[in-house]
C-alpha atoms as a PDB file:
ATOM      1  CA  UNK A   1     132.532 111.464 101.943  1.00  0.00           C
ATOM      2  CA  UNK A   2     131.054 107.851 102.387  1.00  0.00           C
ATOM      3  CA  UNK A   3     131.835 107.752 105.975  1.00  0.00           C
ATOM      4  CA  UNK A   4     130.599 111.429 106.575  1.00  0.00           C
ATOM      5  CA  UNK A   5     127.228 110.514 105.048  1.00  0.00           C
ATOM      6  CA  UNK A   6     127.055 107.462 107.014  1.00  0.00           C
ATOM      7  CA  UNK A   7     128.078 109.083 110.311  1.00  0.00           C
ATOM      8  CA  UNK A   8     124.945 111.320 109.323  1.00  0.00           C
ATOM      9  CA  UNK A   9     122.764 108.712 108.324  1.00  0.00           C
ATOM     10  CA  UNK A  10     122.568 110.239 105.035  1.00  0.00           C
ATOM     11  CA  UNK A  11     121.844 108.128 101.921  1.00  0.00           C
ATOM     12  CA  UNK A  12     124.617 108.946  99.118  1.00  0.00           C
ATOM     13  CA  UNK A  13     121.509 109.719  96.537  1.00  0.00           C
ATOM     14  CA  UNK A  14     119.875 112.269  98.812  1.00  0.00           C
ATOM     15  CA  UNK A  15     123.249 114.349  98.674  1.00  0.00           C
ATOM     16  CA  UNK A  16     123.768 113.899  95.403  1.00  0.00           C
ATOM     17  CA  UNK A  17     120.282 115.109  94.635  1.00  0.00           C
ATOM     18  CA  UNK A  18     120.832 118.243  97.341  1.00  0.00           C
ATOM     19  CA  UNK A  19     123.911 118.825  95.595  1.00  0.00           C
ATOM     20  CA  UNK A  20     122.622 118.927  92.008  1.00  0.00           C
ATOM     21  CA  UNK A  21     120.027 121.019  93.299  1.00  0.00           C
ATOM     22  CA  UNK A  22     122.343 123.455  95.066  1.00  0.00           C
ATOM     23  CA  UNK A  23     124.715 124.001  92.001  1.00  0.00           C
ATOM     24  CA  UNK A  24     121.383 124.752  89.711  1.00  0.00           C
ATOM     25  CA  UNK A  25     119.710 126.832  92.106  1.00  0.00           C
ATOM     26  CA  UNK A  26     122.070 127.827  94.785  1.00  0.00           C
ATOM     27  CA  UNK A  27     120.703 128.032  98.337  1.00  0.00           C
ATOM     28  CA  UNK A  28     117.449 128.314  97.128  1.00  0.00           C
ATOM     29  CA  UNK A  29     117.397 124.908  95.653  1.00  0.00           C
ATOM     30  CA  UNK A  30     118.199 123.538  99.224  1.00  0.00           C
ATOM     31  CA  UNK A  31     114.705 125.197 100.368  1.00  0.00           C
ATOM     32  CA  UNK A  32     112.401 122.287 101.538  1.00  0.00           C
ATOM     33  CA  UNK A  33     109.307 122.460  99.070  1.00  0.00           C
ATOM     34  CA  UNK A  34     105.751 121.111  99.593  1.00  0.00           C
ATOM     35  CA  UNK A  35     104.094 118.704  97.497  1.00  0.00           C
ATOM     36  CA  UNK A  36     101.337 119.930  95.495  1.00  0.00           C
ATOM     37  CA  UNK A  37      99.788 116.437  95.174  1.00  0.00           C
ATOM     38  CA  UNK A  38      99.384 114.894  98.466  1.00  0.00           C
ATOM     39  CA  UNK A  39      98.143 111.405  97.138  1.00  0.00           C
ATOM     40  CA  UNK A  40     100.635 108.758  97.086  1.00  0.00           C
ATOM     41  CA  UNK A  41     101.429 107.518  93.536  1.00  0.00           C
ATOM     42  CA  UNK A  42      99.992 104.233  94.351  1.00  0.00           C
ATOM     43  CA  UNK A  43      96.923 105.147  96.055  1.00  0.00           C
ATOM     44  CA  UNK A  44      93.560 104.700  94.765  1.00  0.00           C
ATOM     45  CA  UNK A  45      91.247 107.687  94.857  1.00  0.00           C
ATOM     46  CA  UNK A  46      88.416 107.610  97.497  1.00  0.00           C
ATOM     47  CA  UNK A  47      85.569 108.051  94.488  1.00  0.00           C
ATOM     48  CA  UNK A  48      86.934 104.955  93.136  1.00  0.00           C
ATOM     49  CA  UNK A  49      87.013 103.129  95.932  1.00  0.00           C
ATOM     50  CA  UNK A  50      83.467 103.657  96.932  1.00  0.00           C
ATOM     51  CA  UNK A  51      82.237 103.098  93.586  1.00  0.00           C
ATOM     52  CA  UNK A  52      84.367  99.544  93.701  1.00  0.00           C
ATOM     53  CA  UNK A  53      82.289  98.687  97.223  1.00  0.00           C
ATOM     54  CA  UNK A  54      79.022 100.097  95.966  1.00  0.00           C
ATOM     55  CA  UNK A  55      79.351  97.472  92.524  1.00  0.00           C
ATOM     56  CA  UNK A  56      80.308  94.959  95.052  1.00  0.00           C
ATOM     57  CA  UNK A  57      77.740  95.227  97.618  1.00  0.00           C
ATOM     58  CA  UNK A  58      75.271  95.182  94.512  1.00  0.00           C
ATOM     59  CA  UNK A  59      76.781  92.002  93.254  1.00  0.00           C
ATOM     60  CA  UNK A  60      77.416  89.921  96.589  1.00  0.00           C
ATOM     61  CA  UNK A  61      77.036  86.580  94.961  1.00  0.00           C
ATOM     62  CA  UNK A  62      80.484  87.357  93.201  1.00  0.00           C
ATOM     63  CA  UNK A  63      84.008  87.101  94.062  1.00  0.00           C
ATOM     64  CA  UNK A  64      86.533  89.728  94.175  1.00  0.00           C
ATOM     65  CA  UNK A  65      87.998  88.271  91.496  1.00  0.00           C
ATOM     66  CA  UNK A  66      84.620  87.748  89.252  1.00  0.00           C
ATOM     67  CA  UNK A  67      84.130  91.530  90.259  1.00  0.00           C
ATOM     68  CA  UNK A  68      87.733  92.647  89.121  1.00  0.00           C
ATOM     69  CA  UNK A  69      86.617  90.882  85.927  1.00  0.00           C
ATOM     70  CA  UNK A  70      83.152  92.312  85.490  1.00  0.00           C
ATOM     71  CA  UNK A  71      84.556  95.936  86.349  1.00  0.00           C
ATOM     72  CA  UNK A  72      87.428  95.133  83.816  1.00  0.00           C
ATOM     73  CA  UNK A  73      89.963  95.630  86.100  1.00  0.00           C
ATOM     74  CA  UNK A  74      93.598  94.011  86.644  1.00  0.00           C
ATOM     75  CA  UNK A  75      95.663  93.237  89.377  1.00  0.00           C
ATOM     76  CA  UNK A  76      98.139  96.158  88.499  1.00  0.00           C
ATOM     77  CA  UNK A  77      95.997  98.903  88.907  1.00  0.00           C
ATOM     78  CA  UNK A  78      95.052  98.262  92.058  1.00  0.00           C
ATOM     79  CA  UNK A  79      91.344  98.081  92.362  1.00  0.00           C
ATOM     80  CA  UNK A  80      91.773  94.333  92.491  1.00  0.00           C
ATOM     81  CA  UNK A  81      93.320  94.801  95.965  1.00  0.00           C
ATOM     82  CA  UNK A  82      90.635  97.181  96.560  1.00  0.00           C
ATOM     83  CA  UNK A  83      88.085  94.679  96.103  1.00  0.00           C
ATOM     84  CA  UNK A  84      90.293  92.099  98.078  1.00  0.00           C
ATOM     85  CA  UNK A  85      90.622  94.227 101.309  1.00  0.00           C
ATOM     86  CA  UNK A  86      86.386  95.400 101.147  1.00  0.00           C
ATOM     87  CA  UNK A  87      85.487  91.634 100.848  1.00  0.00           C
ATOM     88  CA  UNK A  88      87.323  90.959 103.812  1.00  0.00           C
ATOM     89  CA  UNK A  89      85.426  93.767 105.481  1.00  0.00           C
ATOM     90  CA  UNK A  90      82.127  92.184 104.543  1.00  0.00           C
END
């Protein structure tokens, strides 16, 4: 099976996901489904980005790190990255 999957360029994990879905739901399980949430898991909502930029523009004397501290964010949640990206623009 490994050679067959490789020849079609299909990852084994994809095959087994499809196979499990087929076993559970038959051919209907193989139907392509659309995601209801089109936002990527690690993206920051536009509203939050706008808020961060607004605060940054009000406090131009602060560095991105100081703004992140002021807003109360950590590197993990991505807002710090937004501050860094936006600070490069201005």
